[in-house]
Amino acid sequence: MNEFFRQDNRLGIPIPHLSHSWENYSVENQQSILFDWEKIRGKIPDRIAELEKIINQKQTELSDEGDFERSCQLNSEIAELASIINDLWLWYRTHQDIGSKVHQ
């Protein structure tokens, strides 16, 4: 994306990667970072919906699975997807108030 964001392959979105404290960035850079972050942040609910569909598919497969080993694997995959969703919500909520710091 740019120097202020790095793609997180696990989450499937770019996340902020700031090498300095927020106050050390120029106002222009802060505004650019916030603008880019809001575009990314706006896509997080869509990413979560994608992962929820995959979880639902795996749960359907799990309900029909008779092989214990495969059931364990599906449970593990579902748990990992749920963990990713949790992390995405944390990113979505944690960084919604960054804009107020710029205006202070």
C-alpha atoms as a PDB file:
ATOM      1  CA  MET A   1       0.000   0.000   0.000  1.00  0.00           C
ATOM      2  CA  ASN A   2       2.502   2.644   1.168  1.00  0.00           C
ATOM      3  CA  GLU A   3       5.256   3.155   3.701  1.00  0.00           C
ATOM      4  CA  PHE A   4       2.767   3.488   6.566  1.00  0.00           C
ATOM      5  CA  PHE A   5       0.973   0.159   6.049  1.00  0.00           C
ATOM      6  CA  ARG A   6       2.009  -3.456   5.657  1.00  0.00           C
ATOM      7  CA  GLN A   7      -0.100  -6.276   4.325  1.00  0.00           C
ATOM      8  CA  ASP A   8      -1.037  -8.755   7.042  1.00  0.00           C
ATOM      9  CA  ASN A   9      -1.587 -12.027   5.221  1.00  0.00           C
ATOM     10  CA  ARG A  10      -3.330 -13.634   8.188  1.00  0.00           C
ATOM     11  CA  LEU A  11      -5.893 -10.841   8.483  1.00  0.00           C
ATOM     12  CA  GLY A  12      -6.114 -10.231   4.763  1.00  0.00           C
ATOM     13  CA  ILE A  13      -5.794  -6.452   5.107  1.00  0.00           C
ATOM     14  CA  PRO A  14      -2.987  -3.911   5.366  1.00  0.00           C
ATOM     15  CA  ILE A  15      -2.387  -2.733   8.914  1.00  0.00           C
ATOM     16  CA  PRO A  16      -0.621   0.389  10.169  1.00  0.00           C
ATOM     17  CA  HIS A  17       3.139   0.093  10.438  1.00  0.00           C
ATOM     18  CA  LEU A  18       4.422   3.349  11.866  1.00  0.00           C
ATOM     19  CA  SER A  19       8.133   3.662  12.494  1.00  0.00           C
ATOM     20  CA  HIS A  20       7.757   6.814  14.612  1.00  0.00           C
ATOM     21  CA  SER A  21       5.373   7.997  17.281  1.00  0.00           C
ATOM     22  CA  TRP A  22       2.256   9.668  15.917  1.00  0.00           C
ATOM     23  CA  GLU A  23       3.327  13.144  17.038  1.00  0.00           C
ATOM     24  CA  ASN A  24       6.526  12.924  14.987  1.00  0.00           C
ATOM     25  CA  TYR A  25       4.615  12.801  11.708  1.00  0.00           C
ATOM     26  CA  SER A  26       3.708  15.991   9.897  1.00  0.00           C
ATOM     27  CA  VAL A  27       0.061  16.973   9.860  1.00  0.00           C
ATOM     28  CA  GLU A  28      -0.014  16.145   6.146  1.00  0.00           C
ATOM     29  CA  ASN A  29       1.314  12.644   6.786  1.00  0.00           C
ATOM     30  CA  GLN A  30      -1.112  12.159   9.667  1.00  0.00           C
ATOM     31  CA  GLN A  31      -4.018  13.127   7.437  1.00  0.00           C
ATOM     32  CA  SER A  32      -2.792  10.834   4.673  1.00  0.00           C
ATOM     33  CA  ILE A  33      -2.406   7.942   7.102  1.00  0.00           C
ATOM     34  CA  LEU A  34      -5.889   8.542   8.509  1.00  0.00           C
ATOM     35  CA  PHE A  35      -7.409   8.759   5.039  1.00  0.00           C
ATOM     36  CA  ASP A  36      -5.790   5.483   3.976  1.00  0.00           C
ATOM     37  CA  TRP A  37      -6.705   3.812   7.259  1.00  0.00           C
ATOM     38  CA  GLU A  38     -10.361   4.789   6.932  1.00  0.00           C
ATOM     39  CA  LYS A  39     -10.465   3.200   3.470  1.00  0.00           C
ATOM     40  CA  ILE A  40      -8.937   0.002   4.874  1.00  0.00           C
ATOM     41  CA  ARG A  41     -11.083   0.089   7.998  1.00  0.00           C
ATOM     42  CA  GLY A  42     -14.197   0.379   5.863  1.00  0.00           C
ATOM     43  CA  LYS A  43     -13.373  -2.968   4.248  1.00  0.00           C
ATOM     44  CA  ILE A  44     -12.980  -4.843   7.546  1.00  0.00           C
ATOM     45  CA  PRO A  45     -16.697  -5.733   7.935  1.00  0.00           C
ATOM     46  CA  ASP A  46     -16.658  -7.196   4.407  1.00  0.00           C
ATOM     47  CA  ARG A  47     -13.571  -9.241   5.253  1.00  0.00           C
ATOM     48  CA  ILE A  48     -15.291 -10.496   8.410  1.00  0.00           C
ATOM     49  CA  ALA A  49     -18.371 -11.489   6.395  1.00  0.00           C
ATOM     50  CA  GLU A  50     -16.145 -13.480   4.009  1.00  0.00           C
ATOM     51  CA  LEU A  51     -14.581 -15.349   6.913  1.00  0.00           C
ATOM     52  CA  GLU A  52     -17.982 -16.008   8.506  1.00  0.00           C
ATOM     53  CA  LYS A  53     -19.145 -17.655   5.271  1.00  0.00           C
ATOM     54  CA  ILE A  54     -16.103 -19.935   5.349  1.00  0.00           C
ATOM     55  CA  ILE A  55     -16.823 -20.793   9.001  1.00  0.00           C
ATOM     56  CA  ASN A  56     -20.428 -21.636   8.116  1.00  0.00           C
ATOM     57  CA  GLN A  57     -19.255 -23.916   5.299  1.00  0.00           C
ATOM     58  CA  LYS A  58     -16.821 -25.663   7.623  1.00  0.00           C
ATOM     59  CA  GLN A  59     -19.506 -26.057  10.301  1.00  0.00           C
ATOM     60  CA  THR A  60     -21.810 -27.644   7.733  1.00  0.00           C
ATOM     61  CA  GLU A  61     -19.009 -29.979   6.703  1.00  0.00           C
ATOM     62  CA  LEU A  62     -18.294 -30.717  10.375  1.00  0.00           C
ATOM     63  CA  SER A  63     -21.891 -31.724  11.045  1.00  0.00           C
ATOM     64  CA  ASP A  64     -21.645 -34.363   8.303  1.00  0.00           C
ATOM     65  CA  GLU A  65     -18.134 -35.548   9.143  1.00  0.00           C
ATOM     66  CA  GLY A  66     -17.700 -39.027  10.570  1.00  0.00           C
ATOM     67  CA  ASP A  67     -13.900 -39.059  10.575  1.00  0.00           C
ATOM     68  CA  PHE A  68     -12.611 -37.941  13.977  1.00  0.00           C
ATOM     69  CA  GLU A  69      -9.293 -36.693  12.611  1.00  0.00           C
ATOM     70  CA  ARG A  70     -11.011 -34.580   9.957  1.00  0.00           C
ATOM     71  CA  SER A  71     -13.441 -33.256  12.594  1.00  0.00           C
ATOM     72  CA  CYS A  72     -10.493 -32.131  14.707  1.00  0.00           C
ATOM     73  CA  GLN A  73      -8.924 -30.441  11.699  1.00  0.00           C
ATOM     74  CA  LEU A  74     -12.163 -28.620  10.866  1.00  0.00           C
ATOM     75  CA  ASN A  75     -12.549 -27.497  14.475  1.00  0.00           C
ATOM     76  CA  SER A  76      -9.009 -26.170  14.420  1.00  0.00           C
ATOM     77  CA  GLU A  77      -9.634 -24.291  11.159  1.00  0.00           C
ATOM     78  CA  ILE A  78     -12.869 -22.818  12.529  1.00  0.00           C
ATOM     79  CA  ALA A  79     -11.067 -21.693  15.687  1.00  0.00           C
ATOM     80  CA  GLU A  80      -8.342 -19.990  13.627  1.00  0.00           C
ATOM     81  CA  LEU A  81     -10.917 -18.194  11.462  1.00  0.00           C
ATOM     82  CA  ALA A  82     -12.766 -17.061  14.589  1.00  0.00           C
ATOM     83  CA  SER A  83      -9.469 -15.763  15.990  1.00  0.00           C
ATOM     84  CA  ILE A  84      -8.866 -13.784  12.794  1.00  0.00           C
ATOM     85  CA  ILE A  85     -12.365 -12.295  13.017  1.00  0.00           C
ATOM     86  CA  ASN A  86     -11.701 -11.292  16.617  1.00  0.00           C
ATOM     87  CA  ASP A  87      -8.436  -9.609  15.637  1.00  0.00           C
ATOM     88  CA  LEU A  88     -10.138  -7.791  12.771  1.00  0.00           C
ATOM     89  CA  TRP A  89     -12.792  -6.421  15.133  1.00  0.00           C
ATOM     90  CA  LEU A  90     -10.040  -5.275  17.485  1.00  0.00           C
ATOM     91  CA  TRP A  91      -8.344  -3.388  14.643  1.00  0.00           C
ATOM     92  CA  TYR A  92     -11.685  -1.956  13.569  1.00  0.00           C
ATOM     93  CA  ARG A  93     -12.564  -0.680  17.045  1.00  0.00           C
ATOM     94  CA  THR A  94      -9.154   0.203  18.417  1.00  0.00           C
ATOM     95  CA  HIS A  95      -8.237   2.594  15.666  1.00  0.00           C
ATOM     96  CA  GLN A  96     -11.529   4.373  15.136  1.00  0.00           C
ATOM     97  CA  ASP A  97     -10.497   7.214  17.427  1.00  0.00           C
ATOM     98  CA  ILE A  98      -7.102   8.017  15.912  1.00  0.00           C
ATOM     99  CA  GLY A  99      -8.618  11.032  14.160  1.00  0.00           C
ATOM    100  CA  SER A 100      -9.369  12.706  17.449  1.00  0.00           C
ATOM    101  CA  LYS A 101      -5.665  12.614  18.331  1.00  0.00           C
ATOM    102  CA  VAL A 102      -4.836  14.623  15.239  1.00  0.00           C
ATOM    103  CA  HIS A 103      -7.224  17.382  16.228  1.00  0.00           C
ATOM    104  CA  GLN A 104      -5.994  17.706  19.806  1.00  0.00           C
END
